[in-house]
Amino acid sequence: MNISVELTLTPLQNDYEAPIIAFIKKLRASGLKVLENPLSTQVYGDYDTVMTVLKNEGKEALEMTERGVLLMKIVKSDRRDYEPHF
């Protein structure tokens, strides 16, 4: 089953950029399809593969922060080619 996941990592600390950049670089190196925009990062792929990567890399990203929030939305389908028709 393919999924699309939207992620937002929010470190609650002054030096917030380093954990976000490290997290995105790890996602890019995972072999999954990764798209970024200024507000979130989207990851696309097989459910089991994506969730394994997010379990490992999400834990590491949160460990790099003093306090942090990792928001995740999961859609059951691969939406990487979505274009609005309005």
PDB file of N, CA and C in Angstrom:
ATOM      1  N   MET A   1       0.848  -1.173   0.000  1.00  0.00           N
ATOM      2  CA  MET A   1       0.000   0.000   0.000  1.00  0.00           C
ATOM      3  C   MET A   1       0.894   1.237   0.000  1.00  0.00           C
ATOM      4  N   ASN A   2       0.640   2.152  -0.919  1.00  0.00           N
ATOM      5  CA  ASN A   2       1.391   3.401  -0.984  1.00  0.00           C
ATOM      6  C   ASN A   2       0.736   4.465  -0.117  1.00  0.00           C
ATOM      7  N   ILE A   3       1.595   5.311   0.475  1.00  0.00           N
ATOM      8  CA  ILE A   3       1.105   6.404   1.302  1.00  0.00           C
ATOM      9  C   ILE A   3       1.845   7.690   0.970  1.00  0.00           C
ATOM     10  N   SER A   4       1.234   8.781   1.380  1.00  0.00           N
ATOM     11  CA  SER A   4       1.842  10.107   1.325  1.00  0.00           C
ATOM     12  C   SER A   4       1.835  10.623   2.757  1.00  0.00           C
ATOM     13  N   VAL A   5       2.961  11.173   3.198  1.00  0.00           N
ATOM     14  CA  VAL A   5       3.076  11.663   4.572  1.00  0.00           C
ATOM     15  C   VAL A   5       3.568  13.101   4.545  1.00  0.00           C
ATOM     16  N   GLU A   6       2.867  13.964   5.263  1.00  0.00           N
ATOM     17  CA  GLU A   6       3.319  15.340   5.426  1.00  0.00           C
ATOM     18  C   GLU A   6       3.905  15.464   6.829  1.00  0.00           C
ATOM     19  N   LEU A   7       5.128  15.994   6.907  1.00  0.00           N
ATOM     20  CA  LEU A   7       5.845  16.104   8.176  1.00  0.00           C
ATOM     21  C   LEU A   7       6.198  17.552   8.472  1.00  0.00           C
ATOM     22  N   THR A   8       6.081  17.921   9.737  1.00  0.00           N
ATOM     23  CA  THR A   8       6.557  19.216  10.195  1.00  0.00           C
ATOM     24  C   THR A   8       7.309  18.984  11.502  1.00  0.00           C
ATOM     25  N   LEU A   9       8.614  19.221  11.476  1.00  0.00           N
ATOM     26  CA  LEU A   9       9.442  19.118  12.681  1.00  0.00           C
ATOM     27  C   LEU A   9       9.614  20.515  13.255  1.00  0.00           C
ATOM     28  N   THR A  10       9.253  20.681  14.526  1.00  0.00           N
ATOM     29  CA  THR A  10       9.341  21.981  15.181  1.00  0.00           C
ATOM     30  C   THR A  10      10.150  21.846  16.470  1.00  0.00           C
ATOM     31  N   PRO A  11      11.466  22.072  16.397  1.00  0.00           N
ATOM     32  CA  PRO A  11      12.259  22.080  17.625  1.00  0.00           C
ATOM     33  C   PRO A  11      11.898  23.312  18.454  1.00  0.00           C
ATOM     34  N   LEU A  12      11.666  23.140  19.737  1.00  0.00           N
ATOM     35  CA  LEU A  12      11.297  24.238  20.628  1.00  0.00           C
ATOM     36  C   LEU A  12      12.551  24.713  21.358  1.00  0.00           C
ATOM     37  N   GLN A  13      13.430  25.344  20.590  1.00  0.00           N
ATOM     38  CA  GLN A  13      14.713  25.814  21.103  1.00  0.00           C
ATOM     39  C   GLN A  13      15.232  26.902  20.189  1.00  0.00           C
ATOM     40  N   ASN A  14      16.216  27.652  20.646  1.00  0.00           N
ATOM     41  CA  ASN A  14      16.775  28.744  19.847  1.00  0.00           C
ATOM     42  C   ASN A  14      17.456  28.237  18.584  1.00  0.00           C
ATOM     43  N   ASP A  15      18.278  27.211  18.698  1.00  0.00           N
ATOM     44  CA  ASP A  15      18.977  26.655  17.543  1.00  0.00           C
ATOM     45  C   ASP A  15      18.093  25.580  16.898  1.00  0.00           C
ATOM     46  N   TYR A  16      17.092  26.033  16.160  1.00  0.00           N
ATOM     47  CA  TYR A  16      16.102  25.106  15.616  1.00  0.00           C
ATOM     48  C   TYR A  16      16.440  24.588  14.217  1.00  0.00           C
ATOM     49  N   GLU A  17      17.298  25.297  13.478  1.00  0.00           N
ATOM     50  CA  GLU A  17      17.538  24.919  12.085  1.00  0.00           C
ATOM     51  C   GLU A  17      18.328  23.621  11.933  1.00  0.00           C
ATOM     52  N   ALA A  18      19.339  23.413  12.751  1.00  0.00           N
ATOM     53  CA  ALA A  18      20.214  22.242  12.598  1.00  0.00           C
ATOM     54  C   ALA A  18      19.443  20.913  12.653  1.00  0.00           C
ATOM     55  N   PRO A  19      18.558  20.688  13.628  1.00  0.00           N
ATOM     56  CA  PRO A  19      17.815  19.425  13.640  1.00  0.00           C
ATOM     57  C   PRO A  19      16.892  19.256  12.425  1.00  0.00           C
ATOM     58  N   ILE A  20      16.307  20.342  11.960  1.00  0.00           N
ATOM     59  CA  ILE A  20      15.417  20.265  10.792  1.00  0.00           C
ATOM     60  C   ILE A  20      16.213  19.883   9.547  1.00  0.00           C
ATOM     61  N   ILE A  21      17.338  20.548   9.338  1.00  0.00           N
ATOM     62  CA  ILE A  21      18.181  20.259   8.167  1.00  0.00           C
ATOM     63  C   ILE A  21      18.693  18.823   8.211  1.00  0.00           C
ATOM     64  N   ALA A  22      19.146  18.372   9.374  1.00  0.00           N
ATOM     65  CA  ALA A  22      19.643  16.997   9.508  1.00  0.00           C
ATOM     66  C   ALA A  22      18.536  15.987   9.209  1.00  0.00           C
ATOM     67  N   PHE A  23      17.326  16.257   9.697  1.00  0.00           N
ATOM     68  CA  PHE A  23      16.188  15.364   9.461  1.00  0.00           C
ATOM     69  C   PHE A  23      15.866  15.277   7.973  1.00  0.00           C
ATOM     70  N   ILE A  24      15.805  16.404   7.304  1.00  0.00           N
ATOM     71  CA  ILE A  24      15.505  16.411   5.868  1.00  0.00           C
ATOM     72  C   ILE A  24      16.595  15.694   5.084  1.00  0.00           C
ATOM     73  N   LYS A  25      17.857  15.917   5.427  1.00  0.00           N
ATOM     74  CA  LYS A  25      18.954  15.230   4.726  1.00  0.00           C
ATOM     75  C   LYS A  25      18.871  13.719   4.901  1.00  0.00           C
ATOM     76  N   LYS A  26      18.495  13.262   6.097  1.00  0.00           N
ATOM     77  CA  LYS A  26      18.336  11.822   6.327  1.00  0.00           C
ATOM     78  C   LYS A  26      17.178  11.270   5.497  1.00  0.00           C
ATOM     79  N   LEU A  27      16.083  12.022   5.414  1.00  0.00           N
ATOM     80  CA  LEU A  27      14.958  11.581   4.593  1.00  0.00           C
ATOM     81  C   LEU A  27      15.359  11.493   3.127  1.00  0.00           C
ATOM     82  N   ARG A  28      16.089  12.490   2.638  1.00  0.00           N
ATOM     83  CA  ARG A  28      16.548  12.472   1.244  1.00  0.00           C
ATOM     84  C   ARG A  28      17.431  11.261   0.966  1.00  0.00           C
ATOM     85  N   ALA A  29      18.275  10.897   1.920  1.00  0.00           N
ATOM     86  CA  ALA A  29      19.221   9.777   1.738  1.00  0.00           C
ATOM     87  C   ALA A  29      18.530   8.414   1.858  1.00  0.00           C
ATOM     88  N   SER A  30      17.279   8.393   2.270  1.00  0.00           N
ATOM     89  CA  SER A  30      16.573   7.131   2.506  1.00  0.00           C
ATOM     90  C   SER A  30      16.170   6.407   1.231  1.00  0.00           C
ATOM     91  N   GLY A  31      16.177   7.099   0.099  1.00  0.00           N
ATOM     92  CA  GLY A  31      15.722   6.491  -1.146  1.00  0.00           C
ATOM     93  C   GLY A  31      14.240   6.720  -1.408  1.00  0.00           C
ATOM     94  N   LEU A  32      13.536   7.310  -0.458  1.00  0.00           N
ATOM     95  CA  LEU A  32      12.124   7.633  -0.652  1.00  0.00           C
ATOM     96  C   LEU A  32      11.997   8.904  -1.481  1.00  0.00           C
ATOM     97  N   LYS A  33      10.845   9.094  -2.088  1.00  0.00           N
ATOM     98  CA  LYS A  33      10.555  10.348  -2.784  1.00  0.00           C
ATOM     99  C   LYS A  33      10.243  11.393  -1.721  1.00  0.00           C
ATOM    100  N   VAL A  34      11.025  12.493  -1.702  1.00  0.00           N
ATOM    101  CA  VAL A  34      10.889  13.536  -0.692  1.00  0.00           C
ATOM    102  C   VAL A  34      10.741  14.877  -1.397  1.00  0.00           C
ATOM    103  N   LEU A  35       9.718  15.639  -1.018  1.00  0.00           N
ATOM    104  CA  LEU A  35       9.515  16.990  -1.532  1.00  0.00           C
ATOM    105  C   LEU A  35       9.433  17.934  -0.342  1.00  0.00           C
ATOM    106  N   GLU A  36      10.051  19.107  -0.476  1.00  0.00           N
ATOM    107  CA  GLU A  36      10.026  20.080   0.611  1.00  0.00           C
ATOM    108  C   GLU A  36       9.386  21.377   0.154  1.00  0.00           C
ATOM    109  N   ASN A  37       8.798  22.082   1.107  1.00  0.00           N
ATOM    110  CA  ASN A  37       8.358  23.454   0.899  1.00  0.00           C
ATOM    111  C   ASN A  37       8.663  24.203   2.197  1.00  0.00           C
ATOM    112  N   PRO A  38       8.429  25.493   2.264  1.00  0.00           N
ATOM    113  CA  PRO A  38       8.812  26.244   3.468  1.00  0.00           C
ATOM    114  C   PRO A  38       8.092  25.812   4.752  1.00  0.00           C
ATOM    115  N   LEU A  39       6.959  25.139   4.650  1.00  0.00           N
ATOM    116  CA  LEU A  39       6.188  24.797   5.838  1.00  0.00           C
ATOM    117  C   LEU A  39       6.245  23.332   6.241  1.00  0.00           C
ATOM    118  N   SER A  40       6.566  22.447   5.296  1.00  0.00           N
ATOM    119  CA  SER A  40       6.552  21.020   5.622  1.00  0.00           C
ATOM    120  C   SER A  40       7.376  20.234   4.607  1.00  0.00           C
ATOM    121  N   THR A  41       7.520  18.959   4.896  1.00  0.00           N
ATOM    122  CA  THR A  41       8.206  18.025   4.015  1.00  0.00           C
ATOM    123  C   THR A  41       7.245  16.880   3.732  1.00  0.00           C
ATOM    124  N   GLN A  42       7.161  16.467   2.476  1.00  0.00           N
ATOM    125  CA  GLN A  42       6.311  15.346   2.105  1.00  0.00           C
ATOM    126  C   GLN A  42       7.182  14.159   1.721  1.00  0.00           C
ATOM    127  N   VAL A  43       6.745  12.968   2.150  1.00  0.00           N
ATOM    128  CA  VAL A  43       7.447  11.721   1.852  1.00  0.00           C
ATOM    129  C   VAL A  43       6.432  10.770   1.237  1.00  0.00           C
ATOM    130  N   TYR A  44       6.852  10.056   0.186  1.00  0.00           N
ATOM    131  CA  TYR A  44       5.951   9.165  -0.548  1.00  0.00           C
ATOM    132  C   TYR A  44       6.594   7.800  -0.703  1.00  0.00           C
ATOM    133  N   GLY A  45       5.779   6.744  -0.587  1.00  0.00           N
ATOM    134  CA  GLY A  45       6.305   5.405  -0.813  1.00  0.00           C
ATOM    135  C   GLY A  45       5.430   4.338  -0.187  1.00  0.00           C
ATOM    136  N   ASP A  46       5.979   3.131  -0.139  1.00  0.00           N
ATOM    137  CA  ASP A  46       5.311   1.985   0.452  1.00  0.00           C
ATOM    138  C   ASP A  46       5.154   2.194   1.961  1.00  0.00           C
ATOM    139  N   TYR A  47       3.992   1.852   2.492  1.00  0.00           N
ATOM    140  CA  TYR A  47       3.685   2.086   3.905  1.00  0.00           C
ATOM    141  C   TYR A  47       4.782   1.558   4.827  1.00  0.00           C
ATOM    142  N   ASP A  48       5.127   0.291   4.700  1.00  0.00           N
ATOM    143  CA  ASP A  48       6.102  -0.309   5.610  1.00  0.00           C
ATOM    144  C   ASP A  48       7.463   0.363   5.508  1.00  0.00           C
ATOM    145  N   THR A  49       7.880   0.679   4.306  1.00  0.00           N
ATOM    146  CA  THR A  49       9.176   1.332   4.099  1.00  0.00           C
ATOM    147  C   THR A  49       9.177   2.733   4.695  1.00  0.00           C
ATOM    148  N   VAL A  50       8.146   3.506   4.389  1.00  0.00           N
ATOM    149  CA  VAL A  50       8.061   4.876   4.900  1.00  0.00           C
ATOM    150  C   VAL A  50       8.021   4.881   6.424  1.00  0.00           C
ATOM    151  N   MET A  51       7.193   4.026   7.009  1.00  0.00           N
ATOM    152  CA  MET A  51       7.052   4.021   8.464  1.00  0.00           C
ATOM    153  C   MET A  51       8.335   3.563   9.159  1.00  0.00           C
ATOM    154  N   THR A  52       9.072   2.652   8.557  1.00  0.00           N
ATOM    155  CA  THR A  52      10.358   2.234   9.134  1.00  0.00           C
ATOM    156  C   THR A  52      11.334   3.401   9.137  1.00  0.00           C
ATOM    157  N   VAL A  53      11.410   4.114   8.007  1.00  0.00           N
ATOM    158  CA  VAL A  53      12.296   5.282   7.924  1.00  0.00           C
ATOM    159  C   VAL A  53      11.871   6.344   8.931  1.00  0.00           C
ATOM    160  N   LEU A  54      10.569   6.635   9.012  1.00  0.00           N
ATOM    161  CA  LEU A  54      10.097   7.671   9.928  1.00  0.00           C
ATOM    162  C   LEU A  54      10.296   7.280  11.389  1.00  0.00           C
ATOM    163  N   LYS A  55      10.146   6.008  11.696  1.00  0.00           N
ATOM    164  CA  LYS A  55      10.376   5.547  13.069  1.00  0.00           C
ATOM    165  C   LYS A  55      11.822   5.827  13.472  1.00  0.00           C
ATOM    166  N   ASN A  56      12.756   5.464  12.614  1.00  0.00           N
ATOM    167  CA  ASN A  56      14.177   5.627  12.929  1.00  0.00           C
ATOM    168  C   ASN A  56      14.625   7.080  12.866  1.00  0.00           C
ATOM    169  N   GLU A  57      14.319   7.748  11.769  1.00  0.00           N
ATOM    170  CA  GLU A  57      14.793   9.122  11.578  1.00  0.00           C
ATOM    171  C   GLU A  57      14.020  10.117  12.444  1.00  0.00           C
ATOM    172  N   GLY A  58      12.743   9.845  12.700  1.00  0.00           N
ATOM    173  CA  GLY A  58      11.968  10.702  13.580  1.00  0.00           C
ATOM    174  C   GLY A  58      12.503  10.654  15.001  1.00  0.00           C
ATOM    175  N   LYS A  59      12.852   9.467  15.461  1.00  0.00           N
ATOM    176  CA  LYS A  59      13.430   9.331  16.797  1.00  0.00           C
ATOM    177  C   LYS A  59      14.747  10.094  16.891  1.00  0.00           C
ATOM    178  N   GLU A  60      15.599   9.910  15.887  1.00  0.00           N
ATOM    179  CA  GLU A  60      16.891  10.602  15.885  1.00  0.00           C
ATOM    180  C   GLU A  60      16.709  12.123  15.856  1.00  0.00           C
ATOM    181  N   ALA A  61      15.748  12.598  15.061  1.00  0.00           N
ATOM    182  CA  ALA A  61      15.504  14.040  14.974  1.00  0.00           C
ATOM    183  C   ALA A  61      15.044  14.598  16.319  1.00  0.00           C
ATOM    184  N   LEU A  62      14.153  13.881  16.995  1.00  0.00           N
ATOM    185  CA  LEU A  62      13.681  14.356  18.297  1.00  0.00           C
ATOM    186  C   LEU A  62      14.778  14.283  19.358  1.00  0.00           C
ATOM    187  N   GLU A  63      15.657  13.298  19.240  1.00  0.00           N
ATOM    188  CA  GLU A  63      16.778  13.201  20.178  1.00  0.00           C
ATOM    189  C   GLU A  63      17.751  14.368  20.017  1.00  0.00           C
ATOM    190  N   MET A  64      17.789  14.986  18.837  1.00  0.00           N
ATOM    191  CA  MET A  64      18.676  16.128  18.582  1.00  0.00           C
ATOM    192  C   MET A  64      18.130  17.431  19.165  1.00  0.00           C
ATOM    193  N   THR A  65      16.908  17.410  19.664  1.00  0.00           N
ATOM    194  CA  THR A  65      16.292  18.634  20.179  1.00  0.00           C
ATOM    195  C   THR A  65      16.178  18.579  21.699  1.00  0.00           C
ATOM    196  N   GLU A  66      16.169  19.760  22.310  1.00  0.00           N
ATOM    197  CA  GLU A  66      15.890  19.828  23.749  1.00  0.00           C
ATOM    198  C   GLU A  66      14.438  19.441  23.997  1.00  0.00           C
ATOM    199  N   ARG A  67      13.563  20.043  23.234  1.00  0.00           N
ATOM    200  CA  ARG A  67      12.138  19.757  23.210  1.00  0.00           C
ATOM    201  C   ARG A  67      11.703  19.937  21.762  1.00  0.00           C
ATOM    202  N   GLY A  68      10.757  19.153  21.319  1.00  0.00           N
ATOM    203  CA  GLY A  68      10.328  19.315  19.944  1.00  0.00           C
ATOM    204  C   GLY A  68       9.005  18.639  19.661  1.00  0.00           C
ATOM    205  N   VAL A  69       8.436  19.026  18.530  1.00  0.00           N
ATOM    206  CA  VAL A  69       7.169  18.468  18.073  1.00  0.00           C
ATOM    207  C   VAL A  69       7.392  17.951  16.659  1.00  0.00           C
ATOM    208  N   LEU A  70       6.936  16.733  16.386  1.00  0.00           N
ATOM    209  CA  LEU A  70       6.967  16.181  15.040  1.00  0.00           C
ATOM    210  C   LEU A  70       5.530  15.856  14.654  1.00  0.00           C
ATOM    211  N   LEU A  71       4.969  16.682  13.764  1.00  0.00           N
ATOM    212  CA  LEU A  71       3.599  16.485  13.291  1.00  0.00           C
ATOM    213  C   LEU A  71       3.619  15.642  12.027  1.00  0.00           C
ATOM    214  N   MET A  72       2.662  14.725  11.929  1.00  0.00           N
ATOM    215  CA  MET A  72       2.621  13.823  10.784  1.00  0.00           C
ATOM    216  C   MET A  72       1.181  13.616  10.338  1.00  0.00           C
ATOM    217  N   LYS A  73       0.954  13.765   9.029  1.00  0.00           N
ATOM    218  CA  LYS A  73      -0.347  13.438   8.432  1.00  0.00           C
ATOM    219  C   LYS A  73      -0.087  12.342   7.409  1.00  0.00           C
ATOM    220  N   ILE A  74      -0.910  11.302   7.439  1.00  0.00           N
ATOM    221  CA  ILE A  74      -0.750  10.173   6.516  1.00  0.00           C
ATOM    222  C   ILE A  74      -1.987  10.068   5.645  1.00  0.00           C
ATOM    223  N   VAL A  75      -1.761   9.983   4.334  1.00  0.00           N
ATOM    224  CA  VAL A  75      -2.846   9.789   3.370  1.00  0.00           C
ATOM    225  C   VAL A  75      -2.633   8.436   2.693  1.00  0.00           C
ATOM    226  N   LYS A  76      -3.675   7.651   2.608  1.00  0.00           N
ATOM    227  CA  LYS A  76      -3.579   6.339   1.974  1.00  0.00           C
ATOM    228  C   LYS A  76      -3.692   6.492   0.458  1.00  0.00           C
ATOM    229  N   SER A  77      -2.604   6.855  -0.154  1.00  0.00           N
ATOM    230  CA  SER A  77      -2.430   6.904  -1.606  1.00  0.00           C
ATOM    231  C   SER A  77      -1.176   7.719  -1.887  1.00  0.00           C
ATOM    232  N   ASP A  78      -0.634   7.536  -3.037  1.00  0.00           N
ATOM    233  CA  ASP A  78       0.545   8.308  -3.435  1.00  0.00           C
ATOM    234  C   ASP A  78       0.053   9.568  -4.129  1.00  0.00           C
ATOM    235  N   ARG A  79       0.190  10.714  -3.474  1.00  0.00           N
ATOM    236  CA  ARG A  79      -0.331  11.988  -3.970  1.00  0.00           C
ATOM    237  C   ARG A  79       0.756  12.886  -4.544  1.00  0.00           C
ATOM    238  N   ARG A  80       1.928  12.322  -4.864  1.00  0.00           N
ATOM    239  CA  ARG A  80       3.043  13.171  -5.316  1.00  0.00           C
ATOM    240  C   ARG A  80       2.744  13.920  -6.608  1.00  0.00           C
ATOM    241  N   ASP A  81       1.854  13.409  -7.430  1.00  0.00           N
ATOM    242  CA  ASP A  81       1.546  14.060  -8.709  1.00  0.00           C
ATOM    243  C   ASP A  81       0.288  14.917  -8.653  1.00  0.00           C
ATOM    244  N   TYR A  82      -0.239  15.163  -7.463  1.00  0.00           N
ATOM    245  CA  TYR A  82      -1.469  15.928  -7.328  1.00  0.00           C
ATOM    246  C   TYR A  82      -1.286  17.360  -7.835  1.00  0.00           C
ATOM    247  N   GLU A  83      -2.245  17.813  -8.635  1.00  0.00           N
ATOM    248  CA  GLU A  83      -2.307  19.190  -9.086  1.00  0.00           C
ATOM    249  C   GLU A  83      -3.744  19.662  -8.946  1.00  0.00           C
ATOM    250  N   PRO A  84      -3.955  20.794  -8.324  1.00  0.00           N
ATOM    251  CA  PRO A  84      -5.338  21.278  -8.188  1.00  0.00           C
ATOM    252  C   PRO A  84      -5.945  21.608  -9.542  1.00  0.00           C
ATOM    253  N   HIS A  85      -7.228  21.361  -9.665  1.00  0.00           N
ATOM    254  CA  HIS A  85      -7.927  21.596 -10.938  1.00  0.00           C
ATOM    255  C   HIS A  85      -8.930  22.743 -10.795  1.00  0.00           C
ATOM    256  N   PHE A  86      -8.538  23.789 -10.104  1.00  0.00           N
ATOM    257  CA  PHE A  86      -9.426  24.939  -9.952  1.00  0.00           C
ATOM    258  C   PHE A  86      -8.619  26.214 -10.070  1.00  0.00           C
TER     259      PHE A  86
END
